[in-house]
Amino acid sequence: MTLKILLPERVVLDETVDKVVAESPQGSFGLLPRHVDFVAPIVPGLLSYTQDEEESFVAVDEGVLVKCGAEVLVSVRDAVVGPDLDTLEGTVRDRFDERREQEKAMHTALAKIETEVVRRFTELSG
């Protein structure tokens, strides 16, 4: 079956696989080629897939998984493909740190804008 992992801006993975294991709010589940078609929300964590008896991992953010025929589509906000679990952990940690810094800068900019709006509003009404 074909596994495609999609981000809003690009395709992260497009591979032929033998098995997919993902995690939903109700727990982890596995998919094989003849599995019934379905849709499931997925939670942040590891998605694994098997190709020729070799298991690989992708760290995924929350999203949705759709199994339709021989195609498994996973649409998530963010995903990181790594060659092994140790490298993947380091990459995810770095990306989370970077995202935290961006969010902090965004909150600071928003606070400045809010302060300026309040200041101008009080000047106009006073």
C-alpha atoms as a PDB file:
ATOM      1  CA  MET A   1       0.000   0.000   0.000  1.00  0.00           C
ATOM      2  CA  THR A   2       1.064   3.619  -0.422  1.00  0.00           C
ATOM      3  CA  LEU A   3       1.728   5.827   2.607  1.00  0.00           C
ATOM      4  CA  LYS A   4       1.656   9.591   2.091  1.00  0.00           C
ATOM      5  CA  ILE A   5       2.323  12.012   4.935  1.00  0.00           C
ATOM      6  CA  LEU A   6       1.077  15.473   4.059  1.00  0.00           C
ATOM      7  CA  LEU A   7       1.807  18.827   5.677  1.00  0.00           C
ATOM      8  CA  PRO A   8      -0.128  21.960   4.732  1.00  0.00           C
ATOM      9  CA  GLU A   9       2.727  23.079   2.483  1.00  0.00           C
ATOM     10  CA  ARG A  10       4.336  19.852   1.227  1.00  0.00           C
ATOM     11  CA  VAL A  11       4.466  16.065   1.068  1.00  0.00           C
ATOM     12  CA  VAL A  12       6.891  14.682   3.681  1.00  0.00           C
ATOM     13  CA  LEU A  13       6.737  11.022   2.730  1.00  0.00           C
ATOM     14  CA  ASP A  14       5.418   9.052  -0.246  1.00  0.00           C
ATOM     15  CA  GLU A  15       6.419   5.383   0.036  1.00  0.00           C
ATOM     16  CA  THR A  16       5.141   1.914  -0.713  1.00  0.00           C
ATOM     17  CA  VAL A  17       4.831   0.119   2.627  1.00  0.00           C
ATOM     18  CA  ASP A  18       3.715  -3.226   4.032  1.00  0.00           C
ATOM     19  CA  LYS A  19       2.327  -2.008   7.370  1.00  0.00           C
ATOM     20  CA  VAL A  20       1.494   1.270   9.180  1.00  0.00           C
ATOM     21  CA  VAL A  21       1.118   1.758  12.939  1.00  0.00           C
ATOM     22  CA  ALA A  22      -0.294   5.036  14.281  1.00  0.00           C
ATOM     23  CA  GLU A  23      -1.849   6.306  17.490  1.00  0.00           C
ATOM     24  CA  SER A  24      -5.327   7.722  17.958  1.00  0.00           C
ATOM     25  CA  PRO A  25      -6.894   9.129  21.144  1.00  0.00           C
ATOM     26  CA  GLN A  26      -8.237   5.592  21.764  1.00  0.00           C
ATOM     27  CA  GLY A  27      -4.797   3.939  21.429  1.00  0.00           C
ATOM     28  CA  SER A  28      -2.478   2.626  18.753  1.00  0.00           C
ATOM     29  CA  PHE A  29      -3.668   0.696  15.725  1.00  0.00           C
ATOM     30  CA  GLY A  30      -2.083  -1.105  12.808  1.00  0.00           C
ATOM     31  CA  LEU A  31      -2.978  -1.152   9.136  1.00  0.00           C
ATOM     32  CA  LEU A  32      -2.252  -3.852   6.597  1.00  0.00           C
ATOM     33  CA  PRO A  33      -3.072  -3.680   2.865  1.00  0.00           C
ATOM     34  CA  ARG A  34      -6.411  -5.516   3.186  1.00  0.00           C
ATOM     35  CA  HIS A  35      -7.572  -3.525   6.217  1.00  0.00           C
ATOM     36  CA  VAL A  36     -11.041  -1.983   5.962  1.00  0.00           C
ATOM     37  CA  ASP A  37     -11.187   1.640   4.817  1.00  0.00           C
ATOM     38  CA  PHE A  38     -11.627   4.167   7.608  1.00  0.00           C
ATOM     39  CA  VAL A  39     -10.762   7.595   8.996  1.00  0.00           C
ATOM     40  CA  ALA A  40      -9.133   8.210  12.401  1.00  0.00           C
ATOM     41  CA  PRO A  41      -7.780  11.228  14.255  1.00  0.00           C
ATOM     42  CA  ILE A  42      -4.152  10.799  15.283  1.00  0.00           C
ATOM     43  CA  VAL A  43      -2.368  12.277  18.265  1.00  0.00           C
ATOM     44  CA  PRO A  44       1.183  13.658  18.451  1.00  0.00           C
ATOM     45  CA  GLY A  45       3.690  10.829  18.679  1.00  0.00           C
ATOM     46  CA  LEU A  46       5.408   8.247  16.531  1.00  0.00           C
ATOM     47  CA  LEU A  47       3.996   6.734  13.374  1.00  0.00           C
ATOM     48  CA  SER A  48       5.844   3.654  12.194  1.00  0.00           C
ATOM     49  CA  TYR A  49       5.811   1.882   8.881  1.00  0.00           C
ATOM     50  CA  THR A  50       7.388  -1.293   7.598  1.00  0.00           C
ATOM     51  CA  GLN A  51       9.019  -1.744   4.198  1.00  0.00           C
ATOM     52  CA  ASP A  52      10.552  -5.093   3.319  1.00  0.00           C
ATOM     53  CA  GLU A  53      10.610  -6.105   7.003  1.00  0.00           C
ATOM     54  CA  GLU A  54      12.480  -2.905   8.008  1.00  0.00           C
ATOM     55  CA  GLU A  55      10.686  -0.559  10.424  1.00  0.00           C
ATOM     56  CA  SER A  56      10.992   3.224  10.067  1.00  0.00           C
ATOM     57  CA  PHE A  57       9.587   6.042  12.184  1.00  0.00           C
ATOM     58  CA  VAL A  58       8.090   9.482  11.674  1.00  0.00           C
ATOM     59  CA  ALA A  59       7.333  11.902  14.509  1.00  0.00           C
ATOM     60  CA  VAL A  60       3.935  13.437  13.774  1.00  0.00           C
ATOM     61  CA  ASP A  61       1.825  16.205  15.219  1.00  0.00           C
ATOM     62  CA  GLU A  62      -1.926  15.873  15.594  1.00  0.00           C
ATOM     63  CA  GLY A  63      -3.898  15.249  12.443  1.00  0.00           C
ATOM     64  CA  VAL A  64      -6.036  12.749  10.608  1.00  0.00           C
ATOM     65  CA  LEU A  65      -5.348   9.415   8.914  1.00  0.00           C
ATOM     66  CA  VAL A  66      -7.455   8.186   6.006  1.00  0.00           C
ATOM     67  CA  LYS A  67      -7.210   4.595   4.715  1.00  0.00           C
ATOM     68  CA  CYS A  68      -8.877   4.233   1.327  1.00  0.00           C
ATOM     69  CA  GLY A  69      -8.144   1.191  -0.792  1.00  0.00           C
ATOM     70  CA  ALA A  70      -4.405   0.760  -1.136  1.00  0.00           C
ATOM     71  CA  GLU A  71      -3.649   4.314  -0.014  1.00  0.00           C
ATOM     72  CA  VAL A  72      -3.018   5.648   3.490  1.00  0.00           C
ATOM     73  CA  LEU A  73      -3.057   9.447   3.710  1.00  0.00           C
ATOM     74  CA  VAL A  74      -1.867  11.139   6.884  1.00  0.00           C
ATOM     75  CA  SER A  75      -2.478  14.877   7.111  1.00  0.00           C
ATOM     76  CA  VAL A  76      -0.721  16.581  10.035  1.00  0.00           C
ATOM     77  CA  ARG A  77       0.451  20.062  11.034  1.00  0.00           C
ATOM     78  CA  ASP A  78       4.071  18.934  11.332  1.00  0.00           C
ATOM     79  CA  ALA A  79       6.130  15.783  10.815  1.00  0.00           C
ATOM     80  CA  VAL A  80       9.786  14.821  11.100  1.00  0.00           C
ATOM     81  CA  VAL A  81      11.297  11.847   9.293  1.00  0.00           C
ATOM     82  CA  GLY A  82      14.444  10.453  10.870  1.00  0.00           C
ATOM     83  CA  PRO A  83      16.835   7.633   9.995  1.00  0.00           C
ATOM     84  CA  ASP A  84      16.660   6.223  13.553  1.00  0.00           C
ATOM     85  CA  LEU A  85      14.922   6.944  16.856  1.00  0.00           C
ATOM     86  CA  ASP A  86      17.912   8.714  18.471  1.00  0.00           C
ATOM     87  CA  THR A  87      18.343  11.124  15.556  1.00  0.00           C
ATOM     88  CA  LEU A  88      14.595  11.615  15.356  1.00  0.00           C
ATOM     89  CA  GLU A  89      14.412  12.511  19.061  1.00  0.00           C
ATOM     90  CA  GLY A  90      17.137  15.147  18.693  1.00  0.00           C
ATOM     91  CA  THR A  91      15.533  16.637  15.593  1.00  0.00           C
ATOM     92  CA  VAL A  92      12.096  16.815  17.234  1.00  0.00           C
ATOM     93  CA  ARG A  93      13.574  18.387  20.385  1.00  0.00           C
ATOM     94  CA  ASP A  94      15.362  21.038  18.281  1.00  0.00           C
ATOM     95  CA  ARG A  95      12.208  21.768  16.288  1.00  0.00           C
ATOM     96  CA  PHE A  96      10.112  22.127  19.465  1.00  0.00           C
ATOM     97  CA  ASP A  97      12.701  24.514  20.949  1.00  0.00           C
ATOM     98  CA  GLU A  98      12.658  26.573  17.747  1.00  0.00           C
ATOM     99  CA  ARG A  99       8.853  26.648  17.704  1.00  0.00           C
ATOM    100  CA  ARG A 100       8.772  27.709  21.375  1.00  0.00           C
ATOM    101  CA  GLU A 101      11.103  30.636  20.601  1.00  0.00           C
ATOM    102  CA  GLN A 102       8.942  31.686  17.642  1.00  0.00           C
ATOM    103  CA  GLU A 103       5.801  31.545  19.778  1.00  0.00           C
ATOM    104  CA  LYS A 104       7.495  33.627  22.483  1.00  0.00           C
ATOM    105  CA  ALA A 105       8.478  36.281  19.916  1.00  0.00           C
ATOM    106  CA  MET A 106       4.948  36.264  18.494  1.00  0.00           C
ATOM    107  CA  HIS A 107       3.402  36.761  21.953  1.00  0.00           C
ATOM    108  CA  THR A 108       5.792  39.651  22.649  1.00  0.00           C
ATOM    109  CA  ALA A 109       4.875  41.336  19.357  1.00  0.00           C
ATOM    110  CA  LEU A 110       1.166  40.823  20.034  1.00  0.00           C
ATOM    111  CA  ALA A 111       1.494  42.331  23.520  1.00  0.00           C
ATOM    112  CA  LYS A 112       3.187  45.414  22.022  1.00  0.00           C
ATOM    113  CA  ILE A 113       0.398  45.816  19.471  1.00  0.00           C
ATOM    114  CA  GLU A 114      -2.275  45.460  22.154  1.00  0.00           C
ATOM    115  CA  THR A 115      -0.516  48.051  24.333  1.00  0.00           C
ATOM    116  CA  GLU A 116      -0.318  50.485  21.432  1.00  0.00           C
ATOM    117  CA  VAL A 117      -4.013  50.006  20.572  1.00  0.00           C
ATOM    118  CA  VAL A 118      -5.036  50.673  24.190  1.00  0.00           C
ATOM    119  CA  ARG A 119      -2.739  53.733  24.365  1.00  0.00           C
ATOM    120  CA  ARG A 120      -4.187  55.212  21.181  1.00  0.00           C
ATOM    121  CA  PHE A 121      -7.747  54.444  22.253  1.00  0.00           C
ATOM    122  CA  THR A 122      -7.250  56.220  25.592  1.00  0.00           C
ATOM    123  CA  GLU A 123      -5.679  59.225  23.801  1.00  0.00           C
ATOM    124  CA  LEU A 124      -8.685  59.492  21.475  1.00  0.00           C
ATOM    125  CA  SER A 125     -11.275  59.160  24.233  1.00  0.00           C
ATOM    126  CA  GLY A 126      -9.442  61.411  26.717  1.00  0.00           C
END
